[in-house]
Amino acid sequence: MLSDQDSGHEVALAMHQAVDITLHTVGPGAYGTPTISSSVISFEGMTYPAGQVPGGPTQLYQFTATAEGSDVLSIPFDGGLDAHAPFTLTVRCCAQ
């Protein structure tokens, strides 16, 4: 499982391996719809897990490695008074 602190990093996944990314915010606003640079990973969905705190939402994004290669994932921050940089991640996937 990855989190806010993994933004800007690179991860390696095996084919069909799933990865979850948990993002937190403080104050108004939330993370939006991810953009993916190629078909190396697929976006499976986003949920708000149980146990939310009043300070801002926690969001769980789920992805799966679907092809060999490299991909850049970006999840923008939407709204709020405090501008957040997007969450970015480079994903490399290789066959098992």
N, C-alpha and C. Protein backbone atom coordinates (compact mmCIF):
# COMPACT_ATOMS: atom_id res chain seq x y z
N MET A 1 0.85 -1.17 0.00
CA MET A 1 0.00 0.00 0.00
C MET A 1 0.90 1.24 0.00
N LEU A 2 0.54 2.21 -0.83
CA LEU A 2 1.28 3.46 -0.92
C LEU A 2 0.46 4.58 -0.29
N SER A 3 1.14 5.71 0.00
CA SER A 3 0.45 6.85 0.62
C SER A 3 0.98 8.15 0.07
N ASP A 4 0.51 9.25 0.62
CA ASP A 4 0.92 10.60 0.23
C ASP A 4 2.44 10.73 0.13
N GLN A 5 3.16 10.12 1.06
CA GLN A 5 4.60 10.24 1.12
C GLN A 5 5.31 9.60 -0.06
N ASP A 6 4.62 8.81 -0.85
CA ASP A 6 5.23 8.14 -2.00
C ASP A 6 5.16 8.96 -3.27
N SER A 7 4.56 10.14 -3.21
CA SER A 7 4.45 10.99 -4.39
C SER A 7 5.85 11.32 -4.92
N GLY A 8 6.00 11.23 -6.23
CA GLY A 8 7.28 11.50 -6.88
C GLY A 8 8.20 10.30 -6.97
N HIS A 9 7.82 9.20 -6.38
CA HIS A 9 8.66 7.99 -6.38
C HIS A 9 8.36 7.10 -7.58
N GLU A 10 9.11 6.02 -7.66
CA GLU A 10 8.92 5.00 -8.68
C GLU A 10 8.68 3.66 -7.99
N VAL A 11 7.72 2.89 -8.52
CA VAL A 11 7.46 1.55 -7.98
C VAL A 11 7.50 0.54 -9.12
N ALA A 12 7.87 -0.68 -8.77
CA ALA A 12 7.88 -1.78 -9.73
C ALA A 12 6.78 -2.76 -9.35
N LEU A 13 6.00 -3.16 -10.34
CA LEU A 13 4.91 -4.11 -10.13
C LEU A 13 5.08 -5.29 -11.07
N ALA A 14 4.59 -6.44 -10.64
CA ALA A 14 4.51 -7.61 -11.52
C ALA A 14 3.19 -7.53 -12.29
N MET A 15 3.14 -8.21 -13.41
CA MET A 15 1.92 -8.25 -14.21
C MET A 15 0.74 -8.68 -13.35
N HIS A 16 -0.38 -7.98 -13.44
CA HIS A 16 -1.63 -8.23 -12.72
C HIS A 16 -1.56 -7.93 -11.22
N GLN A 17 -0.46 -7.35 -10.75
CA GLN A 17 -0.35 -6.98 -9.34
C GLN A 17 -1.18 -5.72 -9.09
N ALA A 18 -1.89 -5.71 -7.99
CA ALA A 18 -2.70 -4.55 -7.60
C ALA A 18 -1.89 -3.65 -6.69
N VAL A 19 -2.20 -2.36 -6.75
CA VAL A 19 -1.58 -1.40 -5.83
C VAL A 19 -2.65 -0.44 -5.35
N ASP A 20 -2.66 -0.20 -4.04
CA ASP A 20 -3.58 0.74 -3.42
C ASP A 20 -2.81 1.98 -3.00
N ILE A 21 -3.40 3.15 -3.20
CA ILE A 21 -2.79 4.42 -2.80
C ILE A 21 -3.78 5.15 -1.91
N THR A 22 -3.38 5.43 -0.67
CA THR A 22 -4.21 6.15 0.27
C THR A 22 -3.74 7.59 0.36
N LEU A 23 -4.64 8.53 0.04
CA LEU A 23 -4.31 9.96 0.06
C LEU A 23 -5.16 10.67 1.10
N HIS A 24 -4.53 11.57 1.85
CA HIS A 24 -5.20 12.32 2.91
C HIS A 24 -5.16 13.81 2.58
N THR A 25 -6.17 14.54 3.00
CA THR A 25 -6.15 15.99 2.88
C THR A 25 -6.54 16.60 4.22
N VAL A 26 -6.16 17.85 4.38
CA VAL A 26 -6.55 18.61 5.56
C VAL A 26 -7.30 19.84 5.06
N GLY A 27 -8.51 20.02 5.52
CA GLY A 27 -9.32 21.15 5.07
C GLY A 27 -10.15 20.77 3.85
N PRO A 28 -10.72 21.78 3.20
CA PRO A 28 -11.60 21.51 2.06
C PRO A 28 -10.82 21.01 0.85
N GLY A 29 -11.55 20.39 -0.06
CA GLY A 29 -10.94 19.87 -1.28
C GLY A 29 -10.70 18.37 -1.18
N ALA A 30 -10.38 17.78 -2.30
CA ALA A 30 -10.13 16.34 -2.38
C ALA A 30 -9.32 16.06 -3.63
N TYR A 31 -8.78 14.86 -3.70
CA TYR A 31 -8.08 14.44 -4.91
C TYR A 31 -9.11 14.04 -5.96
N GLY A 32 -8.76 14.23 -7.23
CA GLY A 32 -9.70 14.02 -8.32
C GLY A 32 -9.44 12.76 -9.12
N THR A 33 -9.83 12.82 -10.38
CA THR A 33 -9.72 11.68 -11.29
C THR A 33 -8.28 11.54 -11.78
N PRO A 34 -7.70 10.34 -11.65
CA PRO A 34 -6.32 10.15 -12.07
C PRO A 34 -6.15 10.20 -13.58
N THR A 35 -4.97 10.63 -14.00
CA THR A 35 -4.58 10.51 -15.41
C THR A 35 -3.41 9.54 -15.47
N ILE A 36 -3.42 8.72 -16.50
CA ILE A 36 -2.41 7.68 -16.68
C ILE A 36 -1.84 7.85 -18.08
N SER A 37 -0.50 7.83 -18.20
CA SER A 37 0.14 8.15 -19.47
C SER A 37 0.07 7.04 -20.51
N SER A 38 -0.20 5.81 -20.11
CA SER A 38 -0.29 4.69 -21.07
C SER A 38 -1.17 3.61 -20.48
N SER A 39 -1.11 2.42 -21.05
CA SER A 39 -1.98 1.33 -20.58
C SER A 39 -1.26 0.33 -19.68
N VAL A 40 -0.14 0.73 -19.08
CA VAL A 40 0.60 -0.17 -18.21
C VAL A 40 -0.18 -0.49 -16.93
N ILE A 41 -0.91 0.49 -16.43
CA ILE A 41 -1.76 0.25 -15.27
C ILE A 41 -3.18 0.69 -15.60
N SER A 42 -4.13 0.07 -14.92
CA SER A 42 -5.53 0.48 -15.11
C SER A 42 -6.07 0.96 -13.78
N PHE A 43 -6.93 1.96 -13.86
CA PHE A 43 -7.59 2.53 -12.68
C PHE A 43 -8.81 1.68 -12.37
N GLU A 44 -8.85 1.12 -11.16
CA GLU A 44 -9.95 0.24 -10.76
C GLU A 44 -11.05 0.98 -10.01
N GLY A 45 -10.71 2.14 -9.41
CA GLY A 45 -11.72 2.89 -8.69
C GLY A 45 -11.16 3.62 -7.49
N MET A 46 -12.02 4.46 -6.90
CA MET A 46 -11.67 5.22 -5.70
C MET A 46 -12.81 5.09 -4.71
N THR A 47 -12.47 4.93 -3.44
CA THR A 47 -13.46 4.86 -2.37
C THR A 47 -13.02 5.75 -1.21
N TYR A 48 -13.98 6.05 -0.35
CA TYR A 48 -13.71 6.73 0.91
C TYR A 48 -13.78 5.66 1.99
N PRO A 49 -12.64 5.22 2.51
CA PRO A 49 -12.67 4.14 3.50
C PRO A 49 -13.35 4.56 4.80
N ALA A 50 -13.76 3.57 5.56
CA ALA A 50 -14.38 3.81 6.87
C ALA A 50 -13.37 4.51 7.78
N GLY A 51 -13.87 5.20 8.77
CA GLY A 51 -12.99 5.85 9.74
C GLY A 51 -12.52 7.22 9.31
N GLN A 52 -13.33 7.95 8.56
CA GLN A 52 -12.97 9.30 8.13
C GLN A 52 -12.85 10.23 9.34
N VAL A 53 -11.93 11.20 9.25
CA VAL A 53 -11.76 12.19 10.31
C VAL A 53 -12.33 13.52 9.84
N PRO A 54 -12.77 14.38 10.74
CA PRO A 54 -13.40 15.64 10.34
C PRO A 54 -12.47 16.62 9.62
N GLY A 55 -11.16 16.48 9.76
CA GLY A 55 -10.22 17.44 9.20
C GLY A 55 -10.11 17.43 7.69
N GLY A 56 -10.50 16.36 7.03
CA GLY A 56 -10.41 16.25 5.58
C GLY A 56 -10.53 14.79 5.18
N PRO A 57 -10.90 14.55 3.92
CA PRO A 57 -11.16 13.17 3.50
C PRO A 57 -9.91 12.32 3.31
N THR A 58 -10.07 11.04 3.52
CA THR A 58 -9.09 10.04 3.15
C THR A 58 -9.67 9.31 1.96
N GLN A 59 -8.87 9.16 0.90
CA GLN A 59 -9.34 8.51 -0.32
C GLN A 59 -8.44 7.34 -0.65
N LEU A 60 -9.03 6.23 -1.07
CA LEU A 60 -8.30 5.03 -1.45
C LEU A 60 -8.45 4.82 -2.95
N TYR A 61 -7.34 4.92 -3.67
CA TYR A 61 -7.32 4.69 -5.11
C TYR A 61 -6.75 3.30 -5.37
N GLN A 62 -7.35 2.58 -6.32
CA GLN A 62 -6.90 1.21 -6.61
C GLN A 62 -6.55 1.09 -8.09
N PHE A 63 -5.38 0.48 -8.35
CA PHE A 63 -4.86 0.29 -9.70
C PHE A 63 -4.36 -1.14 -9.84
N THR A 64 -4.27 -1.61 -11.10
CA THR A 64 -3.73 -2.93 -11.40
C THR A 64 -2.78 -2.81 -12.58
N ALA A 65 -1.64 -3.50 -12.48
CA ALA A 65 -0.68 -3.56 -13.58
C ALA A 65 -1.25 -4.45 -14.68
N THR A 66 -1.30 -3.94 -15.91
CA THR A 66 -1.97 -4.67 -16.99
C THR A 66 -1.08 -4.96 -18.20
N ALA A 67 0.08 -4.33 -18.28
CA ALA A 67 0.96 -4.53 -19.44
C ALA A 67 2.40 -4.22 -19.05
N GLU A 68 3.34 -4.72 -19.81
CA GLU A 68 4.75 -4.41 -19.57
C GLU A 68 5.05 -2.99 -20.00
N GLY A 69 5.95 -2.34 -19.27
CA GLY A 69 6.37 -1.00 -19.65
C GLY A 69 6.41 -0.06 -18.46
N SER A 70 6.36 1.23 -18.77
CA SER A 70 6.44 2.27 -17.76
C SER A 70 5.27 3.23 -17.93
N ASP A 71 4.77 3.74 -16.83
CA ASP A 71 3.61 4.61 -16.83
C ASP A 71 3.81 5.72 -15.81
N VAL A 72 3.28 6.89 -16.10
CA VAL A 72 3.27 7.97 -15.12
C VAL A 72 1.83 8.21 -14.72
N LEU A 73 1.59 8.13 -13.44
CA LEU A 73 0.26 8.31 -12.86
C LEU A 73 0.23 9.66 -12.17
N SER A 74 -0.83 10.42 -12.37
CA SER A 74 -1.00 11.71 -11.71
C SER A 74 -2.42 11.82 -11.20
N ILE A 75 -2.55 12.21 -9.92
CA ILE A 75 -3.87 12.41 -9.32
C ILE A 75 -3.93 13.87 -8.86
N PRO A 76 -4.74 14.69 -9.54
CA PRO A 76 -4.78 16.12 -9.20
C PRO A 76 -5.55 16.38 -7.91
N PHE A 77 -5.22 17.50 -7.27
CA PHE A 77 -5.97 17.93 -6.10
C PHE A 77 -6.97 18.96 -6.58
N ASP A 78 -8.25 18.75 -6.25
CA ASP A 78 -9.33 19.62 -6.69
C ASP A 78 -9.88 20.44 -5.52
N GLY A 79 -9.88 21.74 -5.68
CA GLY A 79 -10.55 22.62 -4.71
C GLY A 79 -9.78 22.87 -3.45
N GLY A 80 -10.42 23.57 -2.57
CA GLY A 80 -9.81 23.91 -1.30
C GLY A 80 -9.00 25.19 -1.38
N LEU A 81 -8.73 25.76 -0.25
CA LEU A 81 -7.97 27.00 -0.20
C LEU A 81 -6.48 26.76 -0.28
N ASP A 82 -6.04 25.60 0.17
CA ASP A 82 -4.63 25.26 0.18
C ASP A 82 -4.30 24.47 -1.09
N ALA A 83 -3.49 25.03 -1.96
CA ALA A 83 -3.14 24.35 -3.21
C ALA A 83 -2.19 23.20 -2.92
N HIS A 84 -2.56 22.03 -3.36
CA HIS A 84 -1.72 20.84 -3.24
C HIS A 84 -1.15 20.52 -4.61
N ALA A 85 0.07 20.07 -4.64
CA ALA A 85 0.62 19.53 -5.88
C ALA A 85 -0.08 18.21 -6.15
N PRO A 86 -0.18 17.79 -7.41
CA PRO A 86 -0.79 16.49 -7.67
C PRO A 86 0.08 15.37 -7.11
N PHE A 87 -0.55 14.26 -6.80
CA PHE A 87 0.18 13.05 -6.43
C PHE A 87 0.68 12.44 -7.73
N THR A 88 1.97 12.17 -7.84
CA THR A 88 2.52 11.55 -9.04
C THR A 88 3.30 10.30 -8.67
N LEU A 89 3.31 9.36 -9.59
CA LEU A 89 4.00 8.10 -9.36
C LEU A 89 4.42 7.52 -10.71
N THR A 90 5.65 7.06 -10.80
CA THR A 90 6.09 6.33 -11.98
C THR A 90 5.97 4.84 -11.67
N VAL A 91 5.30 4.10 -12.54
CA VAL A 91 5.07 2.67 -12.34
C VAL A 91 5.76 1.91 -13.45
N ARG A 92 6.57 0.94 -13.07
CA ARG A 92 7.20 0.05 -14.04
C ARG A 92 6.64 -1.35 -13.83
N CYS A 93 6.25 -1.97 -14.92
CA CYS A 93 5.66 -3.31 -14.84
C CYS A 93 6.43 -4.26 -15.76
N CYS A 94 6.71 -5.41 -15.22
CA CYS A 94 7.40 -6.42 -16.02
C CYS A 94 6.66 -7.75 -15.90
N ALA A 95 6.83 -8.60 -16.91
CA ALA A 95 6.19 -9.91 -16.91
C ALA A 95 6.81 -10.74 -15.79
N GLN A 96 6.04 -11.66 -15.27
CA GLN A 96 6.51 -12.51 -14.18
C GLN A 96 7.41 -13.59 -14.69
